[in-house]
């Protein structure tokens, strides 16, 4: 059973979902006149995207054990490990842990789905999560 606080996982899920809806930049010089753009560029994936930066900084702010468990939870959700193999998933994540955990996780195309499935494998969910609490 994961020791990481479920609300922390749910926060990552909520931010990852916001980041996942981003699309390729179609006009790199947009934004000079937002009224002309109908706010379309808010969904474009710019390099300095604040949602991405917030997600990366949050993950980097977790302690090492929480980062390791977040990776292991994503692996359980992805099907690399079963919930019954939790200790093995954590051990593997611990052996592979490095300073680029945030970049690794944000590079997973279905991070939010994997974490949600990982929580579900342990009977947890984000149904009671309130990111403003």
N, C-alpha and C. Protein backbone atom coordinates (compact mmCIF):
# COMPACT_ATOMS: atom_id res chain seq x y z
N UNK A 1 0.85 -1.19 0.00
CA UNK A 1 0.00 0.00 0.00
C UNK A 1 0.89 1.25 0.00
N UNK A 2 0.63 2.18 -0.88
CA UNK A 2 1.43 3.40 -0.93
C UNK A 2 1.31 4.24 0.35
N UNK A 3 2.42 4.85 0.73
CA UNK A 3 2.43 5.75 1.88
C UNK A 3 2.20 7.20 1.46
N UNK A 4 2.39 7.51 0.17
CA UNK A 4 2.23 8.88 -0.28
C UNK A 4 0.78 9.33 -0.06
N UNK A 5 0.63 10.55 0.39
CA UNK A 5 -0.69 11.12 0.65
C UNK A 5 -1.51 11.14 -0.65
N UNK A 6 -2.72 10.60 -0.58
CA UNK A 6 -3.58 10.53 -1.76
C UNK A 6 -3.86 11.92 -2.33
N UNK A 7 -4.00 12.93 -1.48
CA UNK A 7 -4.26 14.29 -1.98
C UNK A 7 -3.10 14.80 -2.83
N UNK A 8 -1.89 14.41 -2.50
CA UNK A 8 -0.73 14.82 -3.32
C UNK A 8 -0.81 14.16 -4.69
N UNK A 9 -1.17 12.89 -4.71
CA UNK A 9 -1.32 12.18 -5.98
C UNK A 9 -2.45 12.82 -6.79
N UNK A 10 -3.55 13.14 -6.14
CA UNK A 10 -4.69 13.75 -6.82
C UNK A 10 -4.33 15.13 -7.38
N UNK A 11 -3.50 15.87 -6.66
CA UNK A 11 -3.05 17.17 -7.15
C UNK A 11 -2.23 16.98 -8.43
N UNK A 12 -1.35 16.00 -8.43
CA UNK A 12 -0.56 15.71 -9.64
C UNK A 12 -1.49 15.32 -10.78
N UNK A 13 -2.48 14.49 -10.48
CA UNK A 13 -3.45 14.07 -11.50
C UNK A 13 -4.18 15.28 -12.08
N UNK A 14 -4.64 16.19 -11.22
CA UNK A 14 -5.39 17.36 -11.71
C UNK A 14 -4.52 18.24 -12.59
N UNK A 15 -3.27 18.45 -12.20
CA UNK A 15 -2.36 19.28 -13.01
C UNK A 15 -1.96 18.56 -14.29
N UNK A 16 -1.76 17.25 -14.21
CA UNK A 16 -1.40 16.49 -15.40
C UNK A 16 -2.54 16.53 -16.42
N UNK A 17 -3.78 16.48 -15.95
CA UNK A 17 -4.92 16.56 -16.87
C UNK A 17 -4.96 17.92 -17.57
N UNK A 18 -4.66 18.99 -16.83
CA UNK A 18 -4.62 20.31 -17.45
C UNK A 18 -3.53 20.38 -18.50
N UNK A 19 -2.40 19.79 -18.20
CA UNK A 19 -1.28 19.79 -19.13
C UNK A 19 -1.57 18.90 -20.34
N UNK A 20 -2.24 17.78 -20.13
CA UNK A 20 -2.53 16.83 -21.21
C UNK A 20 -3.41 17.40 -22.31
N UNK A 21 -4.23 18.40 -21.98
CA UNK A 21 -5.13 18.95 -23.00
C UNK A 21 -4.43 19.94 -23.93
N UNK A 22 -3.17 20.23 -23.63
CA UNK A 22 -2.43 21.17 -24.46
C UNK A 22 -2.20 20.58 -25.83
N UNK A 23 -2.14 21.45 -26.83
CA UNK A 23 -1.91 21.00 -28.20
C UNK A 23 -0.70 21.74 -28.78
N UNK A 24 -0.26 21.29 -29.93
CA UNK A 24 0.90 21.87 -30.58
C UNK A 24 0.69 23.35 -30.86
N UNK A 25 1.74 24.12 -30.71
CA UNK A 25 1.69 25.56 -30.97
C UNK A 25 1.50 25.78 -32.46
N UNK A 26 0.45 26.53 -32.84
CA UNK A 26 0.20 26.80 -34.25
C UNK A 26 0.67 28.19 -34.67
N UNK A 27 0.74 29.10 -33.71
CA UNK A 27 1.19 30.45 -34.01
C UNK A 27 2.12 30.91 -32.88
N UNK A 28 3.43 30.72 -33.05
CA UNK A 28 4.35 31.04 -31.96
C UNK A 28 4.39 32.51 -31.57
N UNK A 29 3.85 33.39 -32.41
CA UNK A 29 3.84 34.82 -32.08
C UNK A 29 2.46 35.31 -31.66
N UNK A 30 1.58 34.40 -31.33
CA UNK A 30 0.25 34.83 -30.91
C UNK A 30 0.33 35.45 -29.52
N UNK A 31 -0.73 36.06 -29.12
CA UNK A 31 -0.78 36.66 -27.80
C UNK A 31 -0.63 38.16 -27.81
N UNK A 32 -0.23 38.71 -28.95
CA UNK A 32 -0.07 40.16 -29.01
C UNK A 32 -1.43 40.85 -28.93
N UNK A 33 -2.45 40.15 -29.40
CA UNK A 33 -3.80 40.70 -29.33
C UNK A 33 -4.74 39.53 -29.03
N UNK A 34 -4.92 39.26 -27.76
CA UNK A 34 -5.71 38.09 -27.34
C UNK A 34 -7.14 38.13 -27.86
N UNK A 35 -7.70 39.33 -28.05
CA UNK A 35 -9.07 39.39 -28.53
C UNK A 35 -9.18 38.88 -29.96
N UNK A 36 -8.12 39.04 -30.75
CA UNK A 36 -8.12 38.51 -32.11
C UNK A 36 -7.99 36.99 -32.13
N UNK A 37 -7.39 36.43 -31.13
CA UNK A 37 -7.11 35.00 -31.07
C UNK A 37 -8.24 34.21 -30.43
N UNK A 38 -9.23 34.86 -29.86
CA UNK A 38 -10.32 34.18 -29.16
C UNK A 38 -9.80 33.25 -28.07
N UNK A 39 -8.68 33.61 -27.46
CA UNK A 39 -8.07 32.85 -26.36
C UNK A 39 -7.68 31.43 -26.76
N UNK A 40 -7.53 31.16 -28.06
CA UNK A 40 -7.18 29.81 -28.52
C UNK A 40 -5.81 29.37 -28.04
N UNK A 41 -4.88 30.31 -27.90
CA UNK A 41 -3.52 29.91 -27.56
C UNK A 41 -3.36 29.48 -26.10
N UNK A 42 -4.39 29.61 -25.29
CA UNK A 42 -4.29 29.14 -23.91
C UNK A 42 -4.15 27.62 -23.85
N UNK A 43 -4.61 26.92 -24.88
CA UNK A 43 -4.50 25.47 -24.92
C UNK A 43 -3.26 25.01 -25.68
N UNK A 44 -2.43 25.94 -26.13
CA UNK A 44 -1.23 25.57 -26.85
C UNK A 44 -0.07 25.33 -25.89
N UNK A 45 0.78 24.40 -26.25
CA UNK A 45 1.85 23.91 -25.40
C UNK A 45 3.13 24.71 -25.61
N UNK A 46 3.22 25.89 -25.01
CA UNK A 46 4.42 26.70 -25.10
C UNK A 46 5.46 26.18 -24.12
N UNK A 47 6.75 26.40 -24.42
CA UNK A 47 7.85 25.89 -23.60
C UNK A 47 7.79 26.41 -22.16
N UNK A 48 7.31 27.62 -21.99
CA UNK A 48 7.26 28.21 -20.65
C UNK A 48 5.87 28.11 -20.02
N UNK A 49 5.13 27.06 -20.40
CA UNK A 49 3.76 26.86 -19.93
C UNK A 49 3.71 26.84 -18.40
N UNK A 50 2.93 27.70 -17.78
CA UNK A 50 2.87 27.74 -16.31
C UNK A 50 2.29 26.47 -15.68
N UNK A 51 1.38 25.80 -16.37
CA UNK A 51 0.81 24.57 -15.83
C UNK A 51 1.89 23.49 -15.76
N UNK A 52 2.68 23.39 -16.80
CA UNK A 52 3.78 22.42 -16.80
C UNK A 52 4.78 22.76 -15.70
N UNK A 53 5.14 24.03 -15.61
CA UNK A 53 6.11 24.46 -14.60
C UNK A 53 5.59 24.16 -13.19
N UNK A 54 4.32 24.40 -12.96
CA UNK A 54 3.73 24.14 -11.65
C UNK A 54 3.77 22.65 -11.32
N UNK A 55 3.46 21.82 -12.30
CA UNK A 55 3.47 20.38 -12.11
C UNK A 55 4.89 19.89 -11.81
N UNK A 56 5.85 20.34 -12.58
CA UNK A 56 7.25 19.94 -12.38
C UNK A 56 7.73 20.38 -11.01
N UNK A 57 7.46 21.61 -10.64
CA UNK A 57 7.91 22.12 -9.34
C UNK A 57 7.25 21.36 -8.18
N UNK A 58 5.98 21.00 -8.33
CA UNK A 58 5.32 20.24 -7.28
C UNK A 58 5.99 18.88 -7.10
N UNK A 59 6.24 18.19 -8.21
CA UNK A 59 6.88 16.87 -8.13
C UNK A 59 8.28 17.00 -7.54
N UNK A 60 9.02 18.00 -7.98
CA UNK A 60 10.37 18.22 -7.43
C UNK A 60 10.33 18.54 -5.94
N UNK A 61 9.24 19.13 -5.49
CA UNK A 61 9.09 19.48 -4.08
C UNK A 61 8.75 18.31 -3.17
N UNK A 62 8.35 17.20 -3.77
CA UNK A 62 8.08 16.01 -2.97
C UNK A 62 9.40 15.45 -2.45
N UNK A 63 9.35 14.79 -1.30
CA UNK A 63 10.59 14.18 -0.82
C UNK A 63 10.89 12.95 -1.68
N UNK A 64 12.09 12.42 -1.52
CA UNK A 64 12.54 11.32 -2.38
C UNK A 64 11.61 10.11 -2.30
N UNK A 65 11.18 9.75 -1.10
CA UNK A 65 10.28 8.60 -0.96
C UNK A 65 8.96 8.83 -1.69
N UNK A 66 8.44 10.05 -1.62
CA UNK A 66 7.17 10.36 -2.31
C UNK A 66 7.37 10.30 -3.83
N UNK A 67 8.48 10.81 -4.31
CA UNK A 67 8.76 10.73 -5.75
C UNK A 67 8.85 9.28 -6.21
N UNK A 68 9.52 8.47 -5.43
CA UNK A 68 9.67 7.05 -5.76
C UNK A 68 8.30 6.38 -5.79
N UNK A 69 7.47 6.65 -4.80
CA UNK A 69 6.15 6.04 -4.76
C UNK A 69 5.25 6.54 -5.88
N UNK A 70 5.41 7.79 -6.26
CA UNK A 70 4.63 8.34 -7.38
C UNK A 70 4.97 7.60 -8.67
N UNK A 71 6.26 7.35 -8.89
CA UNK A 71 6.69 6.58 -10.06
C UNK A 71 6.14 5.16 -9.99
N UNK A 72 6.28 4.52 -8.83
CA UNK A 72 5.78 3.15 -8.67
C UNK A 72 4.27 3.08 -8.88
N UNK A 73 3.56 4.08 -8.40
CA UNK A 73 2.10 4.12 -8.58
C UNK A 73 1.74 4.26 -10.06
N UNK A 74 2.49 5.08 -10.78
CA UNK A 74 2.26 5.22 -12.23
C UNK A 74 2.52 3.88 -12.92
N UNK A 75 3.55 3.17 -12.49
CA UNK A 75 3.85 1.87 -13.09
C UNK A 75 2.77 0.85 -12.79
N UNK A 76 2.19 0.89 -11.60
CA UNK A 76 1.08 -0.01 -11.28
C UNK A 76 -0.10 0.34 -12.18
N UNK A 77 -0.40 1.62 -12.32
CA UNK A 77 -1.50 2.05 -13.17
C UNK A 77 -1.30 1.71 -14.64
N UNK A 78 -0.05 1.71 -15.06
CA UNK A 78 0.29 1.40 -16.45
C UNK A 78 0.28 -0.10 -16.70
N UNK A 79 0.34 -0.89 -15.62
CA UNK A 79 0.33 -2.35 -15.76
C UNK A 79 1.72 -2.97 -15.76
N UNK A 80 2.75 -2.17 -15.53
CA UNK A 80 4.11 -2.70 -15.45
C UNK A 80 4.24 -3.61 -14.23
N UNK A 81 3.57 -3.23 -13.15
CA UNK A 81 3.51 -4.02 -11.92
C UNK A 81 2.06 -4.14 -11.50
N UNK A 82 1.75 -5.20 -10.76
CA UNK A 82 0.43 -5.34 -10.14
C UNK A 82 0.49 -4.74 -8.74
N UNK A 83 -0.66 -4.43 -8.18
CA UNK A 83 -0.71 -3.91 -6.82
C UNK A 83 -0.05 -4.89 -5.85
N UNK A 84 -0.18 -6.18 -6.13
CA UNK A 84 0.43 -7.20 -5.27
C UNK A 84 1.96 -7.13 -5.31
N UNK A 85 2.51 -6.51 -6.35
CA UNK A 85 3.95 -6.38 -6.51
C UNK A 85 4.45 -5.00 -6.09
N UNK A 86 3.69 -4.34 -5.21
CA UNK A 86 4.01 -2.97 -4.80
C UNK A 86 5.45 -2.83 -4.30
N UNK A 87 5.86 -3.71 -3.42
CA UNK A 87 7.21 -3.62 -2.87
C UNK A 87 8.27 -3.69 -3.96
N UNK A 88 8.06 -4.54 -4.93
CA UNK A 88 8.99 -4.67 -6.05
C UNK A 88 8.98 -3.39 -6.91
N UNK A 89 7.79 -2.83 -7.12
CA UNK A 89 7.68 -1.59 -7.90
C UNK A 89 8.43 -0.46 -7.20
N UNK A 90 8.27 -0.36 -5.89
CA UNK A 90 8.95 0.68 -5.12
C UNK A 90 10.46 0.46 -5.15
N UNK A 91 10.88 -0.79 -4.99
CA UNK A 91 12.32 -1.09 -5.02
C UNK A 91 12.92 -0.72 -6.37
N UNK A 92 12.24 -1.06 -7.45
CA UNK A 92 12.72 -0.75 -8.79
C UNK A 92 12.77 0.76 -9.00
N UNK A 93 11.72 1.45 -8.58
CA UNK A 93 11.69 2.91 -8.70
C UNK A 93 12.80 3.54 -7.88
N UNK A 94 13.09 2.97 -6.73
CA UNK A 94 14.16 3.47 -5.87
C UNK A 94 15.52 3.31 -6.54
N UNK A 95 15.73 2.17 -7.16
CA UNK A 95 17.00 1.91 -7.84
C UNK A 95 17.18 2.84 -9.04
N UNK A 96 16.09 3.22 -9.70
CA UNK A 96 16.17 4.06 -10.89
C UNK A 96 15.98 5.54 -10.59
N UNK A 97 15.74 5.88 -9.33
CA UNK A 97 15.49 7.28 -8.97
C UNK A 97 16.69 8.16 -9.30
N UNK A 98 16.38 9.35 -9.82
CA UNK A 98 17.42 10.34 -10.11
C UNK A 98 16.80 11.73 -10.03
N UNK A 99 17.57 12.73 -10.39
CA UNK A 99 17.11 14.12 -10.28
C UNK A 99 16.12 14.52 -11.37
N UNK A 100 15.79 13.61 -12.26
CA UNK A 100 14.89 13.95 -13.37
C UNK A 100 13.53 13.25 -13.25
N UNK A 101 13.12 12.96 -12.03
CA UNK A 101 11.84 12.28 -11.81
C UNK A 101 10.68 13.09 -12.37
N UNK A 102 10.67 14.39 -12.14
CA UNK A 102 9.57 15.23 -12.63
C UNK A 102 9.49 15.19 -14.14
N UNK A 103 10.64 15.27 -14.79
CA UNK A 103 10.65 15.24 -16.26
C UNK A 103 10.22 13.86 -16.78
N UNK A 104 10.65 12.81 -16.08
CA UNK A 104 10.23 11.47 -16.48
C UNK A 104 8.71 11.34 -16.40
N UNK A 105 8.16 11.72 -15.26
CA UNK A 105 6.71 11.57 -15.07
C UNK A 105 5.92 12.44 -16.04
N UNK A 106 6.32 13.70 -16.22
CA UNK A 106 5.57 14.57 -17.13
C UNK A 106 5.74 14.14 -18.58
N UNK A 107 6.73 13.31 -18.84
CA UNK A 107 6.91 12.77 -20.19
C UNK A 107 6.04 11.58 -20.49
N UNK A 108 5.38 11.04 -19.46
CA UNK A 108 4.45 9.93 -19.69
C UNK A 108 3.16 10.49 -20.28
N UNK A 109 2.80 10.09 -21.49
CA UNK A 109 1.64 10.68 -22.15
C UNK A 109 0.32 10.52 -21.41
N UNK A 110 0.18 9.49 -20.62
CA UNK A 110 -1.07 9.23 -19.90
C UNK A 110 -0.86 9.26 -18.40
N UNK A 111 0.00 10.15 -17.91
CA UNK A 111 0.34 10.20 -16.50
C UNK A 111 -0.89 10.23 -15.60
N UNK A 112 -1.82 11.12 -15.87
CA UNK A 112 -3.02 11.23 -15.02
C UNK A 112 -3.80 9.92 -15.00
N UNK A 113 -3.96 9.30 -16.15
CA UNK A 113 -4.68 8.03 -16.22
C UNK A 113 -3.94 6.93 -15.46
N UNK A 114 -2.61 6.88 -15.61
CA UNK A 114 -1.82 5.87 -14.91
C UNK A 114 -1.93 6.03 -13.40
N UNK A 115 -1.81 7.27 -12.93
CA UNK A 115 -1.89 7.50 -11.49
C UNK A 115 -3.28 7.19 -10.96
N UNK A 116 -4.29 7.56 -11.72
CA UNK A 116 -5.67 7.26 -11.31
C UNK A 116 -5.90 5.75 -11.24
N UNK A 117 -5.41 5.02 -12.23
CA UNK A 117 -5.54 3.57 -12.23
C UNK A 117 -4.72 2.95 -11.09
N UNK A 118 -3.56 3.55 -10.81
CA UNK A 118 -2.74 3.07 -9.70
C UNK A 118 -3.46 3.23 -8.38
N UNK A 119 -4.07 4.39 -8.16
CA UNK A 119 -4.85 4.60 -6.94
C UNK A 119 -5.99 3.59 -6.85
N UNK A 120 -6.67 3.40 -7.97
CA UNK A 120 -7.80 2.47 -8.01
C UNK A 120 -7.37 1.05 -7.64
N UNK A 121 -6.17 0.67 -8.05
CA UNK A 121 -5.67 -0.67 -7.73
C UNK A 121 -5.54 -0.88 -6.23
N UNK A 122 -5.43 0.22 -5.48
CA UNK A 122 -5.34 0.13 -4.02
C UNK A 122 -6.62 0.59 -3.34
N UNK A 123 -7.71 0.70 -4.10
CA UNK A 123 -9.00 1.07 -3.53
C UNK A 123 -9.11 2.55 -3.17
N UNK A 124 -8.25 3.36 -3.74
CA UNK A 124 -8.26 4.82 -3.49
C UNK A 124 -8.76 5.55 -4.73
N UNK A 125 -9.21 6.78 -4.53
CA UNK A 125 -9.64 7.60 -5.66
C UNK A 125 -9.52 9.07 -5.29
N UNK A 126 -9.78 9.91 -6.26
CA UNK A 126 -9.73 11.35 -6.05
C UNK A 126 -11.13 11.94 -5.91
N UNK A 127 -12.12 11.10 -5.65
CA UNK A 127 -13.50 11.59 -5.60
C UNK A 127 -13.72 12.63 -4.51
N UNK A 128 -12.97 12.57 -3.42
CA UNK A 128 -13.12 13.54 -2.34
C UNK A 128 -12.05 14.62 -2.37
N UNK A 129 -11.26 14.65 -3.42
CA UNK A 129 -10.15 15.61 -3.51
C UNK A 129 -10.67 17.02 -3.76
N UNK A 130 -10.18 17.95 -2.97
CA UNK A 130 -10.47 19.36 -3.16
C UNK A 130 -9.14 20.09 -3.20
N UNK A 131 -8.72 20.49 -4.40
CA UNK A 131 -7.39 21.08 -4.53
C UNK A 131 -7.28 22.45 -3.85
N UNK A 132 -8.38 22.99 -3.41
CA UNK A 132 -8.35 24.29 -2.74
C UNK A 132 -8.37 24.17 -1.21
N UNK A 133 -8.41 22.93 -0.73
CA UNK A 133 -8.48 22.71 0.72
C UNK A 133 -7.16 22.99 1.39
